[in-house]
């Protein structure tokens, strides 16, 4: 019985070696920079961490595809001490078939934040070479664009109305001031003319008195 189990393990390992290889058509290289990201708090990469990675990938595939992926469906090879390796994903229905790159990429993108948080890393320190880093979803504006444009237009119209009204009021004030100034100037001229006429009358009367005295 033990011989049979050992033989099955050898066969599965050989099959995995054939499916997972550097530069495989449906494979991806992963590179982790744990020391760069965490410094003195960096953890050691070991078999348990690798198991967590495979479990995280299986979770991502389940979430995206809806099929029952397990850790055994994530094959890893060409692991290096500087923490880089290749992986492929096999079909849960047929472990000898690889899942297409498109499906793997979609699963990684959808669960990228969950995978990063599992290892306390980011897109820059946990790299899936060949899969672009995820971009933050654009934040929708609090107000619809048409409402913003409407507000700007109405503000401009309101400012124009205020400017026109202000200009009209200023012009009326200036015109009224001019009219008042003209009236005051006319009154002053009338007063000046009246004073001149009175002076002439007094002067003429004085002349008449002088003439009478001279005749006498």
N, C-alpha and C. Protein backbone atom coordinates (compact mmCIF):
# COMPACT_ATOMS: atom_id res chain seq x y z
N UNK A 1 0.83 -1.20 0.00
CA UNK A 1 0.00 0.00 0.00
C UNK A 1 0.87 1.26 0.00
N UNK A 2 1.90 1.25 0.82
CA UNK A 2 2.80 2.39 0.88
C UNK A 2 3.49 2.61 -0.45
N UNK A 3 3.81 1.50 -1.13
CA UNK A 3 4.46 1.62 -2.43
C UNK A 3 3.52 2.30 -3.44
N UNK A 4 2.23 1.98 -3.34
CA UNK A 4 1.27 2.58 -4.27
C UNK A 4 1.16 4.08 -4.03
N UNK A 5 1.08 4.48 -2.75
CA UNK A 5 0.99 5.91 -2.41
C UNK A 5 2.23 6.64 -2.88
N UNK A 6 3.39 6.04 -2.64
CA UNK A 6 4.64 6.67 -3.07
C UNK A 6 4.68 6.83 -4.58
N UNK A 7 4.18 5.78 -5.29
CA UNK A 7 4.16 5.84 -6.75
C UNK A 7 3.24 6.95 -7.24
N UNK A 8 2.08 7.09 -6.59
CA UNK A 8 1.14 8.15 -6.98
C UNK A 8 1.74 9.53 -6.74
N UNK A 9 2.45 9.68 -5.62
CA UNK A 9 3.09 10.96 -5.35
C UNK A 9 4.16 11.29 -6.38
N UNK A 10 4.90 10.26 -6.77
CA UNK A 10 5.95 10.47 -7.78
C UNK A 10 5.34 10.86 -9.12
N UNK A 11 4.22 10.19 -9.45
CA UNK A 11 3.56 10.49 -10.72
C UNK A 11 3.01 11.91 -10.72
N UNK A 12 2.37 12.30 -9.58
CA UNK A 12 1.81 13.65 -9.50
C UNK A 12 2.91 14.70 -9.53
N UNK A 13 4.05 14.40 -8.88
CA UNK A 13 5.16 15.35 -8.91
C UNK A 13 5.73 15.49 -10.31
N UNK A 14 5.82 14.37 -11.01
CA UNK A 14 6.32 14.41 -12.38
C UNK A 14 5.37 15.18 -13.29
N UNK A 15 4.07 14.96 -13.08
CA UNK A 15 3.08 15.69 -13.89
C UNK A 15 3.15 17.18 -13.60
N UNK A 16 3.32 17.53 -12.30
CA UNK A 16 3.43 18.94 -11.94
C UNK A 16 4.66 19.57 -12.55
N UNK A 17 5.77 18.82 -12.55
CA UNK A 17 7.00 19.33 -13.14
C UNK A 17 6.83 19.59 -14.62
N UNK A 18 6.04 18.78 -15.28
CA UNK A 18 5.82 18.99 -16.71
C UNK A 18 4.89 20.17 -16.97
N UNK A 19 3.89 20.36 -16.08
CA UNK A 19 2.94 21.45 -16.27
C UNK A 19 3.53 22.80 -15.87
N UNK A 20 4.28 22.82 -14.77
CA UNK A 20 4.85 24.07 -14.26
C UNK A 20 6.33 24.13 -14.61
N UNK A 21 6.70 25.13 -15.36
CA UNK A 21 8.09 25.32 -15.76
C UNK A 21 8.30 26.80 -16.06
N UNK A 22 9.52 27.31 -15.88
CA UNK A 22 9.78 28.71 -16.22
C UNK A 22 9.38 29.02 -17.66
N UNK A 23 8.79 30.16 -17.84
CA UNK A 23 8.34 30.61 -19.16
C UNK A 23 7.24 29.72 -19.73
N UNK A 24 6.48 29.06 -18.86
CA UNK A 24 5.35 28.25 -19.34
C UNK A 24 4.31 29.16 -19.98
N UNK A 25 3.61 28.62 -20.95
CA UNK A 25 2.66 29.44 -21.71
C UNK A 25 1.56 30.02 -20.83
N UNK A 26 1.10 29.25 -19.85
CA UNK A 26 0.03 29.70 -18.95
C UNK A 26 0.54 29.96 -17.54
N UNK A 27 1.85 30.17 -17.41
CA UNK A 27 2.43 30.39 -16.10
C UNK A 27 2.80 31.84 -15.86
N UNK A 28 3.01 32.16 -14.60
CA UNK A 28 3.39 33.51 -14.21
C UNK A 28 4.52 33.45 -13.19
N UNK A 29 5.41 34.44 -13.27
CA UNK A 29 6.48 34.55 -12.29
C UNK A 29 6.07 35.54 -11.22
N UNK A 30 6.34 35.17 -9.97
CA UNK A 30 6.02 36.03 -8.83
C UNK A 30 7.33 36.42 -8.15
N UNK A 31 7.41 37.70 -7.77
CA UNK A 31 8.61 38.18 -7.09
C UNK A 31 8.17 38.97 -5.86
N UNK A 32 8.71 38.58 -4.69
CA UNK A 32 8.35 39.24 -3.44
C UNK A 32 9.56 39.98 -2.88
N UNK A 33 9.34 41.20 -2.40
CA UNK A 33 10.39 42.01 -1.77
C UNK A 33 9.99 42.24 -0.32
N UNK A 34 10.11 41.20 0.48
CA UNK A 34 9.63 41.26 1.86
C UNK A 34 10.50 42.18 2.70
N UNK A 35 11.82 42.07 2.57
CA UNK A 35 12.73 42.90 3.36
C UNK A 35 12.57 44.37 3.00
N UNK A 36 12.41 44.65 1.72
CA UNK A 36 12.22 46.04 1.28
C UNK A 36 10.95 46.63 1.86
N UNK A 37 9.90 45.83 1.93
CA UNK A 37 8.61 46.33 2.39
C UNK A 37 8.53 46.45 3.90
N UNK A 38 9.10 45.50 4.63
CA UNK A 38 8.88 45.44 6.07
C UNK A 38 10.11 45.75 6.90
N UNK A 39 11.28 45.76 6.29
CA UNK A 39 12.50 46.11 7.02
C UNK A 39 12.79 45.13 8.14
N UNK A 40 12.95 45.67 9.37
CA UNK A 40 13.28 44.83 10.53
C UNK A 40 12.15 43.88 10.90
N UNK A 41 10.95 44.17 10.44
CA UNK A 41 9.81 43.31 10.76
C UNK A 41 9.55 42.27 9.68
N UNK A 42 10.49 42.10 8.77
CA UNK A 42 10.32 41.13 7.68
C UNK A 42 10.25 39.71 8.24
N UNK A 43 9.39 38.90 7.68
CA UNK A 43 9.25 37.51 8.08
C UNK A 43 10.03 36.61 7.11
N UNK A 44 10.27 35.40 7.55
CA UNK A 44 11.03 34.44 6.74
C UNK A 44 10.07 33.71 5.81
N UNK A 45 10.45 33.62 4.56
CA UNK A 45 9.63 32.88 3.59
C UNK A 45 9.93 31.39 3.73
N UNK A 46 8.90 30.60 3.97
CA UNK A 46 9.09 29.16 4.15
C UNK A 46 7.93 28.41 3.51
N UNK A 47 7.86 27.11 3.80
CA UNK A 47 6.80 26.29 3.20
C UNK A 47 5.41 26.74 3.63
N UNK A 48 5.29 27.22 4.87
CA UNK A 48 3.98 27.68 5.34
C UNK A 48 3.53 28.92 4.58
N UNK A 49 4.47 29.83 4.30
CA UNK A 49 4.14 31.02 3.52
C UNK A 49 3.75 30.63 2.09
N UNK A 50 4.44 29.65 1.54
CA UNK A 50 4.11 29.20 0.20
C UNK A 50 2.72 28.56 0.17
N UNK A 51 2.40 27.80 1.23
CA UNK A 51 1.06 27.22 1.31
C UNK A 51 0.00 28.32 1.35
N UNK A 52 0.29 29.39 2.11
CA UNK A 52 -0.65 30.51 2.18
C UNK A 52 -0.83 31.16 0.81
N UNK A 53 0.26 31.28 0.06
CA UNK A 53 0.16 31.86 -1.28
C UNK A 53 -0.72 31.00 -2.18
N UNK A 54 -0.49 29.70 -2.14
CA UNK A 54 -1.28 28.80 -2.99
C UNK A 54 -2.76 28.84 -2.57
N UNK A 55 -3.00 28.92 -1.25
CA UNK A 55 -4.38 29.00 -0.78
C UNK A 55 -5.03 30.32 -1.22
N UNK A 56 -4.25 31.41 -1.19
CA UNK A 56 -4.78 32.71 -1.62
C UNK A 56 -5.12 32.68 -3.11
N UNK A 57 -4.28 32.02 -3.91
CA UNK A 57 -4.56 31.90 -5.34
C UNK A 57 -5.80 31.04 -5.58
N UNK A 58 -5.92 29.95 -4.82
CA UNK A 58 -7.11 29.11 -4.96
C UNK A 58 -8.37 29.89 -4.59
N UNK A 59 -8.28 30.70 -3.54
CA UNK A 59 -9.40 31.56 -3.16
C UNK A 59 -9.75 32.53 -4.27
N UNK A 60 -8.72 33.15 -4.87
CA UNK A 60 -8.96 34.11 -5.96
C UNK A 60 -9.63 33.43 -7.15
N UNK A 61 -9.19 32.22 -7.48
CA UNK A 61 -9.78 31.50 -8.61
C UNK A 61 -11.23 31.13 -8.30
N UNK A 62 -11.49 30.70 -7.07
CA UNK A 62 -12.88 30.37 -6.70
C UNK A 62 -13.77 31.61 -6.81
N UNK A 63 -13.26 32.73 -6.33
CA UNK A 63 -14.06 33.96 -6.34
C UNK A 63 -14.38 34.40 -7.76
N UNK A 64 -13.41 34.27 -8.66
CA UNK A 64 -13.61 34.75 -10.03
C UNK A 64 -14.36 33.75 -10.90
N UNK A 65 -14.07 32.46 -10.69
CA UNK A 65 -14.60 31.42 -11.60
C UNK A 65 -15.81 30.71 -11.03
N UNK A 66 -15.89 30.63 -9.71
CA UNK A 66 -17.01 29.93 -9.09
C UNK A 66 -16.83 28.43 -8.99
N UNK A 67 -15.69 27.90 -9.45
CA UNK A 67 -15.44 26.46 -9.36
C UNK A 67 -14.65 26.15 -8.08
N UNK A 68 -14.62 24.88 -7.72
CA UNK A 68 -14.00 24.45 -6.46
C UNK A 68 -12.50 24.22 -6.62
N UNK A 69 -11.75 25.31 -6.68
CA UNK A 69 -10.29 25.21 -6.73
C UNK A 69 -9.76 24.90 -5.34
N UNK A 70 -8.70 24.12 -5.29
CA UNK A 70 -8.03 23.79 -4.04
C UNK A 70 -6.55 24.14 -4.15
N UNK A 71 -5.86 24.01 -3.02
CA UNK A 71 -4.42 24.31 -3.02
C UNK A 71 -3.69 23.42 -4.02
N UNK A 72 -4.15 22.20 -4.20
CA UNK A 72 -3.50 21.27 -5.13
C UNK A 72 -3.60 21.73 -6.58
N UNK A 73 -4.50 22.66 -6.86
CA UNK A 73 -4.64 23.16 -8.23
C UNK A 73 -3.64 24.27 -8.55
N UNK A 74 -2.92 24.74 -7.56
CA UNK A 74 -1.91 25.79 -7.77
C UNK A 74 -0.54 25.13 -7.67
N UNK A 75 0.13 24.99 -8.80
CA UNK A 75 1.44 24.34 -8.86
C UNK A 75 2.54 25.39 -8.90
N UNK A 76 3.59 25.17 -8.11
CA UNK A 76 4.69 26.12 -8.00
C UNK A 76 5.99 25.43 -8.38
N UNK A 77 6.88 26.17 -9.05
CA UNK A 77 8.17 25.60 -9.44
C UNK A 77 9.21 26.71 -9.56
N UNK A 78 10.46 26.29 -9.69
CA UNK A 78 11.60 27.19 -9.88
C UNK A 78 11.66 28.26 -8.79
N UNK A 79 11.52 27.81 -7.55
CA UNK A 79 11.57 28.74 -6.43
C UNK A 79 13.02 29.09 -6.11
N UNK A 80 13.28 30.36 -5.80
CA UNK A 80 14.64 30.84 -5.49
C UNK A 80 14.66 31.40 -4.07
N UNK A 81 15.84 31.43 -3.42
CA UNK A 81 15.95 31.96 -2.06
C UNK A 81 15.58 33.44 -1.96
N UNK A 82 15.75 34.18 -3.04
CA UNK A 82 15.39 35.60 -3.04
C UNK A 82 13.88 35.80 -3.22
N UNK A 83 13.15 34.74 -3.01
CA UNK A 83 11.70 34.71 -3.04
C UNK A 83 11.16 35.14 -4.40
N UNK A 84 11.38 34.26 -5.33
CA UNK A 84 10.71 34.37 -6.63
C UNK A 84 10.40 32.95 -7.09
N UNK A 85 9.34 32.79 -7.84
CA UNK A 85 8.94 31.46 -8.29
C UNK A 85 7.95 31.61 -9.43
N UNK A 86 7.66 30.50 -10.08
CA UNK A 86 6.65 30.43 -11.13
C UNK A 86 5.48 29.62 -10.62
N UNK A 87 4.29 29.92 -11.13
CA UNK A 87 3.13 29.11 -10.77
C UNK A 87 2.20 28.98 -11.96
N UNK A 88 1.44 27.89 -11.95
CA UNK A 88 0.37 27.66 -12.91
C UNK A 88 -0.84 27.17 -12.13
N UNK A 89 -2.00 27.25 -12.75
CA UNK A 89 -3.24 26.80 -12.12
C UNK A 89 -3.86 25.73 -13.00
N UNK A 90 -4.19 24.60 -12.37
CA UNK A 90 -4.81 23.51 -13.12
C UNK A 90 -6.32 23.52 -12.93
N UNK A 91 -7.02 22.91 -13.84
CA UNK A 91 -8.48 22.85 -13.78
C UNK A 91 -8.93 21.93 -12.66
N UNK A 92 -9.93 22.32 -11.87
CA UNK A 92 -10.44 21.42 -10.83
C UNK A 92 -11.16 20.20 -11.40
N UNK A 93 -11.56 20.28 -12.66
CA UNK A 93 -12.22 19.14 -13.30
C UNK A 93 -11.23 18.17 -13.91
N UNK A 94 -10.08 18.69 -14.32
CA UNK A 94 -9.05 17.85 -14.93
C UNK A 94 -7.69 18.43 -14.57
N UNK A 95 -7.00 17.86 -13.57
CA UNK A 95 -5.74 18.41 -13.09
C UNK A 95 -4.61 18.36 -14.10
N UNK A 96 -4.81 17.74 -15.24
CA UNK A 96 -3.76 17.71 -16.26
C UNK A 96 -3.89 18.88 -17.25
N UNK A 97 -4.96 19.67 -17.10
CA UNK A 97 -5.19 20.81 -17.99
C UNK A 97 -4.93 22.11 -17.23
N UNK A 98 -4.25 23.04 -17.89
CA UNK A 98 -3.97 24.33 -17.27
C UNK A 98 -5.09 25.33 -17.57
N UNK A 99 -5.34 26.17 -16.60
CA UNK A 99 -6.33 27.24 -16.77
C UNK A 99 -5.72 28.32 -17.65
N UNK A 100 -6.50 28.90 -18.51
CA UNK A 100 -6.01 29.93 -19.44
C UNK A 100 -5.51 31.16 -18.68
N UNK A 101 -4.55 31.84 -19.31
CA UNK A 101 -3.96 33.04 -18.71
C UNK A 101 -5.01 34.11 -18.42
N UNK A 102 -5.94 34.24 -19.33
CA UNK A 102 -6.97 35.28 -19.17
C UNK A 102 -7.74 35.09 -17.87
N UNK A 103 -8.09 33.84 -17.55
CA UNK A 103 -8.84 33.57 -16.32
C UNK A 103 -7.99 33.83 -15.09
N UNK A 104 -6.71 33.45 -15.16
CA UNK A 104 -5.82 33.66 -14.02
C UNK A 104 -5.61 35.16 -13.79
N UNK A 105 -5.39 35.90 -14.86
CA UNK A 105 -5.19 37.35 -14.73
C UNK A 105 -6.41 38.02 -14.12
N UNK A 106 -7.58 37.63 -14.58
CA UNK A 106 -8.82 38.22 -14.05
C UNK A 106 -8.97 37.92 -12.56
N UNK A 107 -8.65 36.68 -12.18
CA UNK A 107 -8.77 36.30 -10.76
C UNK A 107 -7.79 37.08 -9.90
N UNK A 108 -6.56 37.23 -10.38
CA UNK A 108 -5.55 37.96 -9.61
C UNK A 108 -5.94 39.42 -9.46
N UNK A 109 -6.43 40.02 -10.54
CA UNK A 109 -6.82 41.44 -10.47
C UNK A 109 -7.96 41.66 -9.48
N UNK A 110 -8.95 40.77 -9.51
CA UNK A 110 -10.11 40.95 -8.64
C UNK A 110 -9.74 40.79 -7.16
N UNK A 111 -8.79 39.92 -6.86
CA UNK A 111 -8.44 39.63 -5.46
C UNK A 111 -7.06 40.15 -5.10
N UNK A 112 -6.54 41.10 -5.88
CA UNK A 112 -5.17 41.57 -5.64
C UNK A 112 -5.00 42.16 -4.24
N UNK A 113 -5.94 42.95 -3.82
CA UNK A 113 -5.82 43.55 -2.49
C UNK A 113 -5.85 42.50 -1.38
N UNK A 114 -6.66 41.47 -1.54
CA UNK A 114 -6.73 40.40 -0.54
C UNK A 114 -5.41 39.63 -0.49
N UNK A 115 -4.83 39.38 -1.67
CA UNK A 115 -3.55 38.66 -1.72
C UNK A 115 -2.45 39.50 -1.09
N UNK A 116 -2.41 40.79 -1.44
CA UNK A 116 -1.38 41.68 -0.88
C UNK A 116 -1.48 41.75 0.64
N UNK A 117 -2.71 41.92 1.15
CA UNK A 117 -2.88 42.05 2.59
C UNK A 117 -2.52 40.77 3.33
N UNK A 118 -2.66 39.63 2.69
CA UNK A 118 -2.29 38.36 3.35
C UNK A 118 -0.81 38.31 3.67
N UNK A 119 0.01 39.02 2.88
CA UNK A 119 1.46 39.01 3.08
C UNK A 119 1.98 40.37 3.52
N UNK A 120 1.08 41.31 3.82
CA UNK A 120 1.46 42.66 4.25
C UNK A 120 2.34 43.36 3.22
N UNK A 121 2.02 43.16 1.95
CA UNK A 121 2.80 43.74 0.85
C UNK A 121 1.90 44.59 -0.03
N UNK A 122 2.49 45.17 -1.07
CA UNK A 122 1.75 46.01 -2.01
C UNK A 122 1.99 45.51 -3.43
N UNK A 123 1.39 46.21 -4.39
CA UNK A 123 1.59 45.83 -5.79
C UNK A 123 3.05 45.94 -6.20
N UNK A 124 3.80 46.83 -5.54
CA UNK A 124 5.20 47.03 -5.89
C UNK A 124 6.14 46.04 -5.21
N UNK A 125 5.70 45.43 -4.12
CA UNK A 125 6.56 44.48 -3.41
C UNK A 125 6.09 43.04 -3.54
N UNK A 126 4.90 42.83 -4.10
CA UNK A 126 4.44 41.49 -4.46
C UNK A 126 4.02 41.58 -5.94
N UNK A 127 4.95 41.23 -6.79
CA UNK A 127 4.77 41.46 -8.23
C UNK A 127 4.37 40.18 -8.95
N UNK A 128 3.31 40.27 -9.70
CA UNK A 128 2.93 39.22 -10.65
C UNK A 128 3.41 39.69 -12.02
N UNK A 129 4.58 39.23 -12.42
CA UNK A 129 5.16 39.70 -13.67
C UNK A 129 4.27 39.28 -14.84
N UNK A 130 3.90 40.26 -15.64
CA UNK A 130 3.00 39.99 -16.75
C UNK A 130 1.57 40.39 -16.47
N UNK A 131 1.27 40.67 -15.17
CA UNK A 131 -0.06 41.16 -14.79
C UNK A 131 0.12 42.57 -14.25
N UNK A 132 -0.36 43.59 -14.95
CA UNK A 132 -0.15 44.97 -14.51
C UNK A 132 -0.73 45.20 -13.12
N UNK A 133 -0.11 46.09 -12.34
CA UNK A 133 -0.65 46.41 -11.01
C UNK A 133 -2.07 46.93 -11.12
N UNK A 134 -2.83 46.67 -10.09
CA UNK A 134 -4.21 47.15 -10.08
C UNK A 134 -4.23 48.65 -9.90
N UNK A 135 -5.21 49.28 -10.50
CA UNK A 135 -5.40 50.72 -10.36
C UNK A 135 -6.60 50.96 -9.47
N UNK A 136 -6.50 52.00 -8.66
CA UNK A 136 -7.62 52.35 -7.78
C UNK A 136 -8.82 52.76 -8.62
N UNK A 137 -9.97 52.29 -8.20
CA UNK A 137 -11.19 52.64 -8.93
C UNK A 137 -11.44 54.13 -8.81
N UNK A 138 -11.83 54.77 -9.90
CA UNK A 138 -12.09 56.20 -9.84
C UNK A 138 -13.22 56.52 -8.87
N UNK A 139 -13.02 57.57 -8.08
CA UNK A 139 -14.03 57.96 -7.11
C UNK A 139 -15.12 58.75 -7.81
N UNK A 140 -16.37 58.28 -7.75
CA UNK A 140 -17.44 59.02 -8.43
C UNK A 140 -17.65 60.36 -7.76
N UNK A 141 -17.91 61.41 -8.54
CA UNK A 141 -18.15 62.72 -7.94
C UNK A 141 -19.41 62.72 -7.09
N UNK A 142 -19.39 63.54 -6.03
CA UNK A 142 -20.55 63.59 -5.13
C UNK A 142 -21.78 64.17 -5.83
N UNK A 143 -21.56 65.00 -6.84
CA UNK A 143 -22.67 65.58 -7.61
C UNK A 143 -22.55 65.17 -9.07
N UNK A 144 -23.67 64.97 -9.76
CA UNK A 144 -23.61 64.61 -11.19
C UNK A 144 -22.93 65.72 -11.99
N UNK A 145 -22.19 65.36 -13.05
CA UNK A 145 -21.49 66.38 -13.86
C UNK A 145 -22.43 67.44 -14.40
N UNK A 146 -23.64 67.02 -14.83
CA UNK A 146 -24.56 68.01 -15.41
C UNK A 146 -24.97 69.04 -14.38
N UNK A 147 -25.07 68.60 -13.10
CA UNK A 147 -25.46 69.54 -12.06
C UNK A 147 -24.34 70.55 -11.80
N UNK A 148 -23.09 70.08 -11.88
CA UNK A 148 -21.95 70.98 -11.71
C UNK A 148 -21.93 72.03 -12.81
N UNK A 149 -22.12 71.56 -14.07
CA UNK A 149 -22.13 72.50 -15.20
C UNK A 149 -23.27 73.50 -15.06
N UNK A 150 -24.45 73.00 -14.66
CA UNK A 150 -25.60 73.88 -14.48
C UNK A 150 -25.31 74.94 -13.41
N UNK A 151 -24.68 74.52 -12.33
CA UNK A 151 -24.34 75.47 -11.28
C UNK A 151 -23.37 76.54 -11.75
N UNK A 152 -22.37 76.12 -12.56
CA UNK A 152 -21.40 77.09 -13.08
C UNK A 152 -22.09 78.10 -13.99
N UNK A 153 -22.96 77.59 -14.89
CA UNK A 153 -23.68 78.48 -15.82
C UNK A 153 -24.57 79.45 -15.06
N UNK A 154 -25.33 78.94 -14.09
CA UNK A 154 -26.22 79.81 -13.33
C UNK A 154 -25.43 80.83 -12.52
N UNK A 155 -24.28 80.42 -12.02
CA UNK A 155 -23.44 81.37 -11.30
C UNK A 155 -22.96 82.50 -12.20
N UNK A 156 -22.55 82.13 -13.45
CA UNK A 156 -22.11 83.15 -14.40
C UNK A 156 -23.25 84.09 -14.77
N UNK A 157 -24.46 83.52 -14.98
CA UNK A 157 -25.62 84.36 -15.30
C UNK A 157 -25.95 85.30 -14.15
N UNK A 158 -25.93 84.77 -12.93
CA UNK A 158 -26.20 85.60 -11.76
C UNK A 158 -25.19 86.73 -11.62
N UNK A 159 -23.91 86.41 -11.84
CA UNK A 159 -22.88 87.45 -11.76
C UNK A 159 -23.09 88.52 -12.82
N UNK A 160 -23.52 88.10 -14.03
CA UNK A 160 -23.79 89.07 -15.09
C UNK A 160 -24.95 89.99 -14.74
N UNK A 161 -26.01 89.41 -14.17
CA UNK A 161 -27.16 90.22 -13.77
C UNK A 161 -26.77 91.23 -12.71
N UNK A 162 -26.02 90.78 -11.71
CA UNK A 162 -25.57 91.70 -10.65
C UNK A 162 -24.72 92.82 -11.23
N UNK A 163 -23.84 92.48 -12.18
CA UNK A 163 -22.98 93.49 -12.79
C UNK A 163 -23.80 94.52 -13.56
N UNK A 164 -24.80 94.04 -14.34
CA UNK A 164 -25.65 94.97 -15.10
C UNK A 164 -26.44 95.88 -14.17
N UNK A 165 -27.04 95.31 -13.13
CA UNK A 165 -27.81 96.12 -12.19
C UNK A 165 -26.92 97.13 -11.47
N UNK A 166 -25.74 96.67 -11.07
CA UNK A 166 -24.81 97.58 -10.40
C UNK A 166 -24.40 98.74 -11.29
N UNK A 167 -24.13 98.43 -12.57
CA UNK A 167 -23.75 99.48 -13.53
C UNK A 167 -24.89 100.47 -13.72
N UNK A 168 -26.13 99.97 -13.84
CA UNK A 168 -27.29 100.85 -14.01
C UNK A 168 -27.46 101.77 -12.81
N UNK A 169 -27.33 101.22 -11.62
CA UNK A 169 -27.48 102.03 -10.41
C UNK A 169 -26.42 103.11 -10.35
N UNK A 170 -25.17 102.76 -10.69
CA UNK A 170 -24.09 103.74 -10.67
C UNK A 170 -24.33 104.84 -11.68
N UNK A 171 -24.81 104.45 -12.89
CA UNK A 171 -25.09 105.46 -13.91
C UNK A 171 -26.20 106.41 -13.45
N UNK A 172 -27.25 105.87 -12.84
CA UNK A 172 -28.34 106.71 -12.35
C UNK A 172 -27.86 107.67 -11.27
N UNK A 173 -27.02 107.17 -10.39
CA UNK A 173 -26.50 108.03 -9.34
C UNK A 173 -25.66 109.17 -9.93
N UNK A 174 -24.82 108.81 -10.92
CA UNK A 174 -23.99 109.83 -11.55
C UNK A 174 -24.86 110.88 -12.26
N UNK A 175 -25.91 110.40 -12.99
CA UNK A 175 -26.79 111.32 -13.70
C UNK A 175 -27.52 112.24 -12.72
N UNK A 176 -27.99 111.66 -11.63
CA UNK A 176 -28.69 112.45 -10.62
C UNK A 176 -27.76 113.47 -10.00
N UNK A 177 -26.52 113.06 -9.77
CA UNK A 177 -25.54 113.97 -9.19
C UNK A 177 -25.24 115.13 -10.14
N UNK A 178 -25.14 114.80 -11.45
CA UNK A 178 -24.90 115.84 -12.45
C UNK A 178 -26.06 116.83 -12.48
N UNK A 179 -27.30 116.29 -12.44
CA UNK A 179 -28.46 117.17 -12.47
C UNK A 179 -28.50 118.08 -11.25
N UNK A 180 -28.20 117.53 -10.09
CA UNK A 180 -28.18 118.35 -8.88
C UNK A 180 -27.10 119.41 -8.96
N UNK A 181 -25.95 119.05 -9.50
CA UNK A 181 -24.86 120.01 -9.66
C UNK A 181 -25.26 121.13 -10.61
N UNK A 182 -25.95 120.77 -11.71
CA UNK A 182 -26.41 121.79 -12.66
C UNK A 182 -27.41 122.74 -12.04
N UNK A 183 -28.33 122.21 -11.26
CA UNK A 183 -29.33 123.06 -10.60
C UNK A 183 -28.66 124.03 -9.63
N UNK A 184 -27.71 123.51 -8.85
CA UNK A 184 -27.01 124.36 -7.90
C UNK A 184 -26.23 125.46 -8.61
N UNK A 185 -25.58 125.12 -9.74
CA UNK A 185 -24.83 126.12 -10.50
C UNK A 185 -25.78 127.19 -11.05
N UNK A 186 -26.98 126.75 -11.55
CA UNK A 186 -27.97 127.72 -12.06
C UNK A 186 -28.45 128.66 -10.97
N UNK A 187 -28.68 128.13 -9.78
CA UNK A 187 -29.12 128.97 -8.68
C UNK A 187 -28.06 129.98 -8.29
N UNK A 188 -26.79 129.52 -8.30
CA UNK A 188 -25.70 130.43 -7.96
C UNK A 188 -25.60 131.55 -8.99
N UNK A 189 -25.77 131.20 -10.29
CA UNK A 189 -25.72 132.23 -11.33
C UNK A 189 -26.87 133.23 -11.16
N UNK A 190 -28.06 132.70 -10.85
CA UNK A 190 -29.21 133.59 -10.64
C UNK A 190 -28.98 134.53 -9.47
N UNK A 191 -28.42 133.99 -8.42
CA UNK A 191 -28.11 134.81 -7.26
C UNK A 191 -27.09 135.89 -7.61
N UNK A 192 -26.08 135.46 -8.40
CA UNK A 192 -25.05 136.43 -8.78
C UNK A 192 -25.64 137.55 -9.63
N UNK A 193 -26.53 137.21 -10.56
CA UNK A 193 -27.17 138.22 -11.41
C UNK A 193 -28.05 139.14 -10.57
N UNK A 194 -28.77 138.55 -9.64
CA UNK A 194 -29.62 139.37 -8.77
C UNK A 194 -28.81 140.34 -7.94
N UNK A 195 -27.71 139.90 -7.40
CA UNK A 195 -26.85 140.76 -6.61
C UNK A 195 -26.28 141.88 -7.46
N UNK A 196 -25.93 141.55 -8.73
CA UNK A 196 -25.40 142.59 -9.63
C UNK A 196 -26.43 143.65 -9.94
N UNK A 197 -27.67 143.25 -10.19
CA UNK A 197 -28.75 144.20 -10.49
C UNK A 197 -29.02 145.10 -9.29
N UNK A 198 -29.01 144.55 -8.12
CA UNK A 198 -29.25 145.34 -6.91
C UNK A 198 -28.15 146.37 -6.72
N UNK A 199 -26.93 145.97 -6.99
CA UNK A 199 -25.81 146.89 -6.86
C UNK A 199 -25.95 148.05 -7.83
N UNK A 200 -26.36 147.75 -9.06
CA UNK A 200 -26.55 148.80 -10.08
C UNK A 200 -27.64 149.77 -9.64
N UNK A 201 -28.72 149.26 -9.05
CA UNK A 201 -29.81 150.13 -8.60
C UNK A 201 -29.33 151.07 -7.51
N UNK A 202 -28.59 150.54 -6.58
CA UNK A 202 -28.05 151.37 -5.50
C UNK A 202 -27.12 152.43 -6.06
N UNK A 203 -26.31 152.01 -7.02
CA UNK A 203 -25.35 152.94 -7.63
C UNK A 203 -26.08 154.06 -8.35
N UNK A 204 -27.13 153.72 -9.09
CA UNK A 204 -27.90 154.72 -9.83
C UNK A 204 -28.61 155.69 -8.88
N UNK A 205 -29.15 155.17 -7.78
CA UNK A 205 -29.80 156.03 -6.80
C UNK A 205 -28.82 157.02 -6.19
N UNK A 206 -27.65 156.54 -5.91
CA UNK A 206 -26.64 157.44 -5.34
C UNK A 206 -26.26 158.54 -6.31
N UNK A 207 -26.23 158.17 -7.59
CA UNK A 207 -25.92 159.15 -8.63
C UNK A 207 -27.01 160.23 -8.69
N UNK A 208 -28.26 159.83 -8.58
CA UNK A 208 -29.38 160.77 -8.65
C UNK A 208 -29.33 161.75 -7.50
N UNK A 209 -29.03 161.28 -6.32
CA UNK A 209 -28.93 162.15 -5.15
C UNK A 209 -27.83 163.17 -5.32
N UNK A 210 -26.72 162.72 -5.89
CA UNK A 210 -25.59 163.63 -6.10
C UNK A 210 -25.97 164.73 -7.07
N UNK A 211 -26.72 164.36 -8.11
CA UNK A 211 -27.12 165.35 -9.12
C UNK A 211 -28.04 166.40 -8.49
N UNK A 212 -28.95 165.96 -7.64
CA UNK A 212 -29.86 166.90 -7.00
C UNK A 212 -29.11 167.88 -6.11
N UNK A 213 -28.18 167.36 -5.39
CA UNK A 213 -27.41 168.22 -4.51
C UNK A 213 -26.60 169.23 -5.31
N UNK A 214 -26.10 168.80 -6.45
CA UNK A 214 -25.30 169.69 -7.29
C UNK A 214 -26.15 170.82 -7.83
N UNK A 215 -27.36 170.49 -8.25
CA UNK A 215 -28.26 171.51 -8.79
C UNK A 215 -28.63 172.53 -7.71
N UNK A 216 -28.81 172.09 -6.54
CA UNK A 216 -29.17 173.00 -5.48
C UNK A 216 -27.99 173.90 -5.15
